[in-house]
Amino acid sequence: MNCQGLGIRQNIVFRDNTSAMKLEENGRMSAGKRTRHFDIKYFYITDLIKRKEITIKYYPIGSMWADYMTKPLVGKDFHTYRKNIMNVN
């Protein structure tokens, strides 16, 4: 609780890429020869995770509502995403 008596919300980042999650959680320790060129600023998220300011959770790609705007969808997937985002029956 903070000074005003409000609960503190935990920041959760949802990912669908387990390799990216391992890099974020372990930092340089899980970096291979293809990721050694990453600048230190990209591992800032690793510090946030260690300080428990954010949490990373796996979320399957078929459930990410942001995919509606970033990927071409057809058929059933398109209608499902559109229905939920635009509140269309």
PDB file of N, CA and C in Angstrom:
ATOM      1  N   MET A   1       0.839  -1.181   0.000  1.00  0.00           N
ATOM      2  CA  MET A   1       0.000   0.000   0.000  1.00  0.00           C
ATOM      3  C   MET A   1       0.881   1.240   0.000  1.00  0.00           C
ATOM      4  N   ASN A   2       0.406   2.259  -0.697  1.00  0.00           N
ATOM      5  CA  ASN A   2       1.146   3.501  -0.687  1.00  0.00           C
ATOM      6  C   ASN A   2       0.592   4.440   0.374  1.00  0.00           C
ATOM      7  N   CYS A   3       1.080   5.662   0.416  1.00  0.00           N
ATOM      8  CA  CYS A   3       0.706   6.624   1.473  1.00  0.00           C
ATOM      9  C   CYS A   3      -0.780   6.963   1.471  1.00  0.00           C
ATOM     10  N   GLN A   4      -1.431   6.871   0.324  1.00  0.00           N
ATOM     11  CA  GLN A   4      -2.836   7.242   0.226  1.00  0.00           C
ATOM     12  C   GLN A   4      -3.770   6.057   0.467  1.00  0.00           C
ATOM     13  N   GLY A   5      -3.210   4.917   0.822  1.00  0.00           N
ATOM     14  CA  GLY A   5      -4.019   3.752   1.131  1.00  0.00           C
ATOM     15  C   GLY A   5      -4.453   2.957  -0.093  1.00  0.00           C
ATOM     16  N   LEU A   6      -3.875   3.263  -1.239  1.00  0.00           N
ATOM     17  CA  LEU A   6      -4.219   2.536  -2.460  1.00  0.00           C
ATOM     18  C   LEU A   6      -3.271   1.364  -2.647  1.00  0.00           C
ATOM     19  N   GLY A   7      -3.796   0.291  -3.188  1.00  0.00           N
ATOM     20  CA  GLY A   7      -2.958  -0.861  -3.480  1.00  0.00           C
ATOM     21  C   GLY A   7      -2.044  -0.580  -4.664  1.00  0.00           C
ATOM     22  N   ILE A   8      -0.900  -1.189  -4.684  1.00  0.00           N
ATOM     23  CA  ILE A   8       0.051  -0.997  -5.771  1.00  0.00           C
ATOM     24  C   ILE A   8      -0.172  -2.093  -6.797  1.00  0.00           C
ATOM     25  N   ARG A   9      -0.400  -1.680  -8.044  1.00  0.00           N
ATOM     26  CA  ARG A   9      -0.595  -2.647  -9.116  1.00  0.00           C
ATOM     27  C   ARG A   9       0.743  -3.167  -9.587  1.00  0.00           C
ATOM     28  N   GLN A  10       0.773  -4.419  -9.890  1.00  0.00           N
ATOM     29  CA  GLN A  10       1.985  -5.010 -10.414  1.00  0.00           C
ATOM     30  C   GLN A  10       1.975  -4.883 -11.930  1.00  0.00           C
ATOM     31  N   ASN A  11       3.088  -4.454 -12.482  1.00  0.00           N
ATOM     32  CA  ASN A  11       3.209  -4.320 -13.928  1.00  0.00           C
ATOM     33  C   ASN A  11       3.568  -5.665 -14.529  1.00  0.00           C
ATOM     34  N   ILE A  12       2.720  -6.144 -15.429  1.00  0.00           N
ATOM     35  CA  ILE A  12       2.937  -7.430 -16.074  1.00  0.00           C
ATOM     36  C   ILE A  12       3.127  -7.200 -17.560  1.00  0.00           C
ATOM     37  N   VAL A  13       4.190  -7.779 -18.108  1.00  0.00           N
ATOM     38  CA  VAL A  13       4.458  -7.718 -19.541  1.00  0.00           C
ATOM     39  C   VAL A  13       4.201  -9.112 -20.087  1.00  0.00           C
ATOM     40  N   PHE A  14       3.298  -9.211 -21.043  1.00  0.00           N
ATOM     41  CA  PHE A  14       2.982 -10.496 -21.647  1.00  0.00           C
ATOM     42  C   PHE A  14       3.818 -10.689 -22.900  1.00  0.00           C
ATOM     43  N   ARG A  15       4.412 -11.859 -23.042  1.00  0.00           N
ATOM     44  CA  ARG A  15       5.268 -12.197 -24.177  1.00  0.00           C
ATOM     45  C   ARG A  15       4.808 -13.503 -24.798  1.00  0.00           C
ATOM     46  N   ASP A  16       5.038 -13.631 -26.097  1.00  0.00           N
ATOM     47  CA  ASP A  16       4.760 -14.902 -26.761  1.00  0.00           C
ATOM     48  C   ASP A  16       6.046 -15.541 -27.280  1.00  0.00           C
ATOM     49  N   ASN A  17       7.185 -14.988 -26.909  1.00  0.00           N
ATOM     50  CA  ASN A  17       8.473 -15.485 -27.367  1.00  0.00           C
ATOM     51  C   ASN A  17       9.282 -15.927 -26.140  1.00  0.00           C
ATOM     52  N   THR A  18       9.423 -17.235 -25.967  1.00  0.00           N
ATOM     53  CA  THR A  18      10.112 -17.739 -24.775  1.00  0.00           C
ATOM     54  C   THR A  18      11.605 -17.422 -24.801  1.00  0.00           C
ATOM     55  N   SER A  19      12.212 -17.337 -25.979  1.00  0.00           N
ATOM     56  CA  SER A  19      13.635 -16.985 -26.064  1.00  0.00           C
ATOM     57  C   SER A  19      13.860 -15.562 -25.572  1.00  0.00           C
ATOM     58  N   ALA A  20      12.986 -14.658 -25.950  1.00  0.00           N
ATOM     59  CA  ALA A  20      13.094 -13.276 -25.479  1.00  0.00           C
ATOM     60  C   ALA A  20      12.889 -13.212 -23.971  1.00  0.00           C
ATOM     61  N   MET A  21      11.989 -14.033 -23.464  1.00  0.00           N
ATOM     62  CA  MET A  21      11.745 -14.051 -22.016  1.00  0.00           C
ATOM     63  C   MET A  21      12.993 -14.518 -21.255  1.00  0.00           C
ATOM     64  N   LYS A  22      13.678 -15.527 -21.773  1.00  0.00           N
ATOM     65  CA  LYS A  22      14.892 -16.013 -21.116  1.00  0.00           C
ATOM     66  C   LYS A  22      15.980 -14.952 -21.117  1.00  0.00           C
ATOM     67  N   LEU A  23      16.121 -14.234 -22.243  1.00  0.00           N
ATOM     68  CA  LEU A  23      17.102 -13.154 -22.304  1.00  0.00           C
ATOM     69  C   LEU A  23      16.769 -12.063 -21.295  1.00  0.00           C
ATOM     70  N   GLU A  24      15.501 -11.742 -21.180  1.00  0.00           N
ATOM     71  CA  GLU A  24      15.086 -10.688 -20.261  1.00  0.00           C
ATOM     72  C   GLU A  24      15.274 -11.094 -18.805  1.00  0.00           C
ATOM     73  N   GLU A  25      15.007 -12.339 -18.497  1.00  0.00           N
ATOM     74  CA  GLU A  25      15.103 -12.791 -17.115  1.00  0.00           C
ATOM     75  C   GLU A  25      16.547 -13.054 -16.689  1.00  0.00           C
ATOM     76  N   ASN A  26      17.357 -13.594 -17.589  1.00  0.00           N
ATOM     77  CA  ASN A  26      18.723 -13.975 -17.234  1.00  0.00           C
ATOM     78  C   ASN A  26      19.776 -12.964 -17.662  1.00  0.00           C
ATOM     79  N   GLY A  27      19.426 -12.052 -18.544  1.00  0.00           N
ATOM     80  CA  GLY A  27      20.375 -11.041 -18.996  1.00  0.00           C
ATOM     81  C   GLY A  27      21.508 -11.639 -19.809  1.00  0.00           C
ATOM     82  N   ARG A  28      22.702 -11.150 -19.570  1.00  0.00           N
ATOM     83  CA  ARG A  28      23.878 -11.570 -20.339  1.00  0.00           C
ATOM     84  C   ARG A  28      24.218 -13.048 -20.145  1.00  0.00           C
ATOM     85  N   MET A  29      23.765 -13.636 -19.057  1.00  0.00           N
ATOM     86  CA  MET A  29      24.100 -15.032 -18.791  1.00  0.00           C
ATOM     87  C   MET A  29      23.511 -15.972 -19.840  1.00  0.00           C
ATOM     88  N   SER A  30      22.361 -15.623 -20.412  1.00  0.00           N
ATOM     89  CA  SER A  30      21.764 -16.494 -21.417  1.00  0.00           C
ATOM     90  C   SER A  30      22.011 -15.974 -22.829  1.00  0.00           C
ATOM     91  N   ALA A  31      22.863 -14.967 -22.969  1.00  0.00           N
ATOM     92  CA  ALA A  31      23.176 -14.425 -24.295  1.00  0.00           C
ATOM     93  C   ALA A  31      24.175 -15.335 -24.998  1.00  0.00           C
ATOM     94  N   GLY A  32      23.863 -15.668 -26.233  1.00  0.00           N
ATOM     95  CA  GLY A  32      24.759 -16.489 -27.040  1.00  0.00           C
ATOM     96  C   GLY A  32      25.601 -15.622 -27.941  1.00  0.00           C
ATOM     97  N   LYS A  33      26.268 -16.237 -28.914  1.00  0.00           N
ATOM     98  CA  LYS A  33      27.146 -15.451 -29.774  1.00  0.00           C
ATOM     99  C   LYS A  33      26.358 -14.538 -30.717  1.00  0.00           C
ATOM    100  N   ARG A  34      25.103 -14.857 -30.971  1.00  0.00           N
ATOM    101  CA  ARG A  34      24.288 -13.983 -31.830  1.00  0.00           C
ATOM    102  C   ARG A  34      23.665 -12.816 -31.070  1.00  0.00           C
ATOM    103  N   THR A  35      23.681 -12.865 -29.768  1.00  0.00           N
ATOM    104  CA  THR A  35      23.084 -11.784 -28.980  1.00  0.00           C
ATOM    105  C   THR A  35      24.123 -10.989 -28.203  1.00  0.00           C
ATOM    106  N   ARG A  36      25.385 -11.270 -28.389  1.00  0.00           N
ATOM    107  CA  ARG A  36      26.425 -10.555 -27.650  1.00  0.00           C
ATOM    108  C   ARG A  36      26.521  -9.090 -28.062  1.00  0.00           C
ATOM    109  N   HIS A  37      26.069  -8.768 -29.245  1.00  0.00           N
ATOM    110  CA  HIS A  37      26.166  -7.393 -29.723  1.00  0.00           C
ATOM    111  C   HIS A  37      25.112  -6.483 -29.105  1.00  0.00           C
ATOM    112  N   PHE A  38      24.171  -7.040 -28.343  1.00  0.00           N
ATOM    113  CA  PHE A  38      23.132  -6.219 -27.721  1.00  0.00           C
ATOM    114  C   PHE A  38      23.770  -5.217 -26.773  1.00  0.00           C
ATOM    115  N   ASP A  39      23.346  -4.005 -26.882  1.00  0.00           N
ATOM    116  CA  ASP A  39      23.838  -2.950 -26.004  1.00  0.00           C
ATOM    117  C   ASP A  39      23.281  -3.157 -24.597  1.00  0.00           C
ATOM    118  N   ILE A  40      23.953  -2.611 -23.626  1.00  0.00           N
ATOM    119  CA  ILE A  40      23.556  -2.786 -22.228  1.00  0.00           C
ATOM    120  C   ILE A  40      22.172  -2.212 -21.965  1.00  0.00           C
ATOM    121  N   LYS A  41      21.757  -1.205 -22.735  1.00  0.00           N
ATOM    122  CA  LYS A  41      20.442  -0.607 -22.495  1.00  0.00           C
ATOM    123  C   LYS A  41      19.312  -1.597 -22.763  1.00  0.00           C
ATOM    124  N   TYR A  42      19.555  -2.606 -23.587  1.00  0.00           N
ATOM    125  CA  TYR A  42      18.529  -3.600 -23.856  1.00  0.00           C
ATOM    126  C   TYR A  42      18.342  -4.565 -22.689  1.00  0.00           C
ATOM    127  N   PHE A  43      19.289  -4.597 -21.802  1.00  0.00           N
ATOM    128  CA  PHE A  43      19.165  -5.453 -20.624  1.00  0.00           C
ATOM    129  C   PHE A  43      18.648  -4.679 -19.416  1.00  0.00           C
ATOM    130  N   TYR A  44      18.164  -3.472 -19.629  1.00  0.00           N
ATOM    131  CA  TYR A  44      17.551  -2.680 -18.562  1.00  0.00           C
ATOM    132  C   TYR A  44      16.351  -3.415 -17.981  1.00  0.00           C
ATOM    133  N   ILE A  45      15.629  -4.119 -18.822  1.00  0.00           N
ATOM    134  CA  ILE A  45      14.455  -4.857 -18.355  1.00  0.00           C
ATOM    135  C   ILE A  45      14.850  -5.948 -17.372  1.00  0.00           C
ATOM    136  N   THR A  46      16.059  -6.494 -17.528  1.00  0.00           N
ATOM    137  CA  THR A  46      16.555  -7.493 -16.587  1.00  0.00           C
ATOM    138  C   THR A  46      16.663  -6.887 -15.186  1.00  0.00           C
ATOM    139  N   ASP A  47      17.124  -5.636 -15.114  1.00  0.00           N
ATOM    140  CA  ASP A  47      17.216  -4.955 -13.817  1.00  0.00           C
ATOM    141  C   ASP A  47      15.829  -4.718 -13.227  1.00  0.00           C
ATOM    142  N   LEU A  48      14.867  -4.366 -14.071  1.00  0.00           N
ATOM    143  CA  LEU A  48      13.504  -4.149 -13.582  1.00  0.00           C
ATOM    144  C   LEU A  48      12.903  -5.428 -13.020  1.00  0.00           C
ATOM    145  N   ILE A  49      13.205  -6.551 -13.649  1.00  0.00           N
ATOM    146  CA  ILE A  49      12.703  -7.846 -13.168  1.00  0.00           C
ATOM    147  C   ILE A  49      13.350  -8.190 -11.824  1.00  0.00           C
ATOM    148  N   LYS A  50      14.662  -7.962 -11.705  1.00  0.00           N
ATOM    149  CA  LYS A  50      15.347  -8.256 -10.438  1.00  0.00           C
ATOM    150  C   LYS A  50      14.824  -7.387  -9.299  1.00  0.00           C
ATOM    151  N   ARG A  51      14.451  -6.135  -9.614  1.00  0.00           N
ATOM    152  CA  ARG A  51      13.908  -5.231  -8.590  1.00  0.00           C
ATOM    153  C   ARG A  51      12.424  -5.460  -8.345  1.00  0.00           C
ATOM    154  N   LYS A  52      11.863  -6.431  -9.074  1.00  0.00           N
ATOM    155  CA  LYS A  52      10.441  -6.800  -8.958  1.00  0.00           C
ATOM    156  C   LYS A  52       9.506  -5.641  -9.293  1.00  0.00           C
ATOM    157  N   GLU A  53       9.957  -4.782 -10.226  1.00  0.00           N
ATOM    158  CA  GLU A  53       9.098  -3.694 -10.688  1.00  0.00           C
ATOM    159  C   GLU A  53       8.164  -4.165 -11.800  1.00  0.00           C
ATOM    160  N   ILE A  54       8.595  -5.186 -12.546  1.00  0.00           N
ATOM    161  CA  ILE A  54       7.737  -5.782 -13.568  1.00  0.00           C
ATOM    162  C   ILE A  54       7.836  -7.296 -13.483  1.00  0.00           C
ATOM    163  N   THR A  55       6.852  -7.945 -14.042  1.00  0.00           N
ATOM    164  CA  THR A  55       6.824  -9.402 -14.136  1.00  0.00           C
ATOM    165  C   THR A  55       6.570  -9.760 -15.591  1.00  0.00           C
ATOM    166  N   ILE A  56       7.237 -10.791 -16.057  1.00  0.00           N
ATOM    167  CA  ILE A  56       7.033 -11.246 -17.428  1.00  0.00           C
ATOM    168  C   ILE A  56       6.309 -12.574 -17.384  1.00  0.00           C
ATOM    169  N   LYS A  57       5.248 -12.671 -18.157  1.00  0.00           N
ATOM    170  CA  LYS A  57       4.468 -13.906 -18.215  1.00  0.00           C
ATOM    171  C   LYS A  57       4.271 -14.321 -19.664  1.00  0.00           C
ATOM    172  N   TYR A  58       4.232 -15.633 -19.868  1.00  0.00           N
ATOM    173  CA  TYR A  58       3.988 -16.163 -21.201  1.00  0.00           C
ATOM    174  C   TYR A  58       2.504 -16.068 -21.532  1.00  0.00           C
ATOM    175  N   TYR A  59       2.228 -15.659 -22.746  1.00  0.00           N
ATOM    176  CA  TYR A  59       0.855 -15.559 -23.226  1.00  0.00           C
ATOM    177  C   TYR A  59       0.856 -16.089 -24.653  1.00  0.00           C
ATOM    178  N   PRO A  60       0.067 -17.097 -24.969  1.00  0.00           N
ATOM    179  CA  PRO A  60       0.117 -17.698 -26.308  1.00  0.00           C
ATOM    180  C   PRO A  60      -0.240 -16.705 -27.404  1.00  0.00           C
ATOM    181  N   ILE A  61       0.352 -16.907 -28.555  1.00  0.00           N
ATOM    182  CA  ILE A  61       0.193 -15.963 -29.664  1.00  0.00           C
ATOM    183  C   ILE A  61      -1.256 -15.861 -30.143  1.00  0.00           C
ATOM    184  N   GLY A  62      -2.008 -16.900 -30.007  1.00  0.00           N
ATOM    185  CA  GLY A  62      -3.399 -16.856 -30.449  1.00  0.00           C
ATOM    186  C   GLY A  62      -4.303 -16.030 -29.562  1.00  0.00           C
ATOM    187  N   SER A  63      -3.808 -15.637 -28.390  1.00  0.00           N
ATOM    188  CA  SER A  63      -4.620 -14.875 -27.448  1.00  0.00           C
ATOM    189  C   SER A  63      -4.221 -13.406 -27.342  1.00  0.00           C
ATOM    190  N   MET A  64      -3.217 -12.993 -28.077  1.00  0.00           N
ATOM    191  CA  MET A  64      -2.755 -11.605 -28.016  1.00  0.00           C
ATOM    192  C   MET A  64      -3.673 -10.723 -28.854  1.00  0.00           C
ATOM    193  N   TRP A  65      -4.421  -9.831 -28.209  1.00  0.00           N
ATOM    194  CA  TRP A  65      -5.364  -8.986 -28.938  1.00  0.00           C
ATOM    195  C   TRP A  65      -4.653  -7.948 -29.790  1.00  0.00           C
ATOM    196  N   ALA A  66      -3.420  -7.624 -29.482  1.00  0.00           N
ATOM    197  CA  ALA A  66      -2.676  -6.657 -30.290  1.00  0.00           C
ATOM    198  C   ALA A  66      -2.354  -7.233 -31.669  1.00  0.00           C
ATOM    199  N   ASP A  67      -2.380  -8.542 -31.826  1.00  0.00           N
ATOM    200  CA  ASP A  67      -2.096  -9.160 -33.120  1.00  0.00           C
ATOM    201  C   ASP A  67      -3.105  -8.749 -34.186  1.00  0.00           C
ATOM    202  N   TYR A  68      -4.273  -8.352 -33.774  1.00  0.00           N
ATOM    203  CA  TYR A  68      -5.308  -7.927 -34.721  1.00  0.00           C
ATOM    204  C   TYR A  68      -4.806  -6.775 -35.580  1.00  0.00           C
ATOM    205  N   MET A  69      -4.020  -5.874 -34.991  1.00  0.00           N
ATOM    206  CA  MET A  69      -3.535  -4.700 -35.715  1.00  0.00           C
ATOM    207  C   MET A  69      -2.182  -4.925 -36.380  1.00  0.00           C
ATOM    208  N   THR A  70      -1.482  -5.995 -36.052  1.00  0.00           N
ATOM    209  CA  THR A  70      -0.123  -6.161 -36.553  1.00  0.00           C
ATOM    210  C   THR A  70       0.053  -7.298 -37.550  1.00  0.00           C
ATOM    211  N   LYS A  71      -0.927  -8.174 -37.648  1.00  0.00           N
ATOM    212  CA  LYS A  71      -0.798  -9.328 -38.533  1.00  0.00           C
ATOM    213  C   LYS A  71      -2.023  -9.449 -39.427  1.00  0.00           C
ATOM    214  N   PRO A  72      -1.812  -9.895 -40.652  1.00  0.00           N
ATOM    215  CA  PRO A  72      -2.980 -10.118 -41.514  1.00  0.00           C
ATOM    216  C   PRO A  72      -3.744 -11.355 -41.051  1.00  0.00           C
ATOM    217  N   LEU A  73      -4.993 -11.183 -40.728  1.00  0.00           N
ATOM    218  CA  LEU A  73      -5.824 -12.291 -40.258  1.00  0.00           C
ATOM    219  C   LEU A  73      -6.955 -12.531 -41.248  1.00  0.00           C
ATOM    220  N   VAL A  74      -7.321 -13.777 -41.425  1.00  0.00           N
ATOM    221  CA  VAL A  74      -8.423 -14.124 -42.318  1.00  0.00           C
ATOM    222  C   VAL A  74      -9.348 -15.115 -41.623  1.00  0.00           C
ATOM    223  N   GLY A  75     -10.550 -15.173 -42.112  1.00  0.00           N
ATOM    224  CA  GLY A  75     -11.502 -16.180 -41.653  1.00  0.00           C
ATOM    225  C   GLY A  75     -11.904 -16.039 -40.210  1.00  0.00           C
ATOM    226  N   LYS A  76     -11.914 -17.172 -39.517  1.00  0.00           N
ATOM    227  CA  LYS A  76     -12.399 -17.240 -38.145  1.00  0.00           C
ATOM    228  C   LYS A  76     -11.596 -16.338 -37.206  1.00  0.00           C
ATOM    229  N   ASP A  77     -10.262 -16.317 -37.347  1.00  0.00           N
ATOM    230  CA  ASP A  77      -9.439 -15.474 -36.491  1.00  0.00           C
ATOM    231  C   ASP A  77      -9.811 -14.000 -36.641  1.00  0.00           C
ATOM    232  N   PHE A  78      -9.983 -13.552 -37.877  1.00  0.00           N
ATOM    233  CA  PHE A  78     -10.346 -12.153 -38.113  1.00  0.00           C
ATOM    234  C   PHE A  78     -11.661 -11.809 -37.433  1.00  0.00           C
ATOM    235  N   HIS A  79     -12.663 -12.657 -37.604  1.00  0.00           N
ATOM    236  CA  HIS A  79     -13.978 -12.380 -37.032  1.00  0.00           C
ATOM    237  C   HIS A  79     -13.955 -12.428 -35.496  1.00  0.00           C
ATOM    238  N   THR A  80     -13.177 -13.346 -34.934  1.00  0.00           N
ATOM    239  CA  THR A  80     -13.072 -13.437 -33.477  1.00  0.00           C
ATOM    240  C   THR A  80     -12.425 -12.185 -32.893  1.00  0.00           C
ATOM    241  N   TYR A  81     -11.298 -11.764 -33.475  1.00  0.00           N
ATOM    242  CA  TYR A  81     -10.608 -10.574 -32.979  1.00  0.00           C
ATOM    243  C   TYR A  81     -11.483  -9.334 -33.159  1.00  0.00           C
ATOM    244  N   ARG A  82     -12.099  -9.190 -34.315  1.00  0.00           N
ATOM    245  CA  ARG A  82     -12.942  -8.032 -34.576  1.00  0.00           C
ATOM    246  C   ARG A  82     -14.107  -7.969 -33.595  1.00  0.00           C
ATOM    247  N   LYS A  83     -14.707  -9.112 -33.335  1.00  0.00           N
ATOM    248  CA  LYS A  83     -15.859  -9.160 -32.417  1.00  0.00           C
ATOM    249  C   LYS A  83     -15.452  -8.676 -31.029  1.00  0.00           C
ATOM    250  N   ASN A  84     -14.316  -9.133 -30.544  1.00  0.00           N
ATOM    251  CA  ASN A  84     -13.890  -8.770 -29.199  1.00  0.00           C
ATOM    252  C   ASN A  84     -13.371  -7.338 -29.099  1.00  0.00           C
ATOM    253  N   ILE A  85     -12.662  -6.873 -30.107  1.00  0.00           N
ATOM    254  CA  ILE A  85     -12.098  -5.527 -30.051  1.00  0.00           C
ATOM    255  C   ILE A  85     -13.162  -4.465 -30.282  1.00  0.00           C
ATOM    256  N   MET A  86     -14.060  -4.700 -31.238  1.00  0.00           N
ATOM    257  CA  MET A  86     -15.059  -3.693 -31.583  1.00  0.00           C
ATOM    258  C   MET A  86     -16.396  -3.925 -30.901  1.00  0.00           C
ATOM    259  N   ASN A  87     -16.473  -4.965 -30.086  1.00  0.00           N
ATOM    260  CA  ASN A  87     -17.706  -5.303 -29.372  1.00  0.00           C
ATOM    261  C   ASN A  87     -18.879  -5.494 -30.346  1.00  0.00           C
ATOM    262  N   VAL A  88     -18.602  -6.284 -31.382  1.00  0.00           N
ATOM    263  CA  VAL A  88     -19.600  -6.594 -32.404  1.00  0.00           C
ATOM    264  C   VAL A  88     -20.103  -8.008 -32.181  1.00  0.00           C
ATOM    265  N   ASN A  89     -21.395  -8.206 -32.270  1.00  0.00           N
ATOM    266  CA  ASN A  89     -21.944  -9.561 -32.107  1.00  0.00           C
ATOM    267  C   ASN A  89     -21.946 -10.308 -33.416  1.00  0.00           C
TER     268      ASN A  89
END
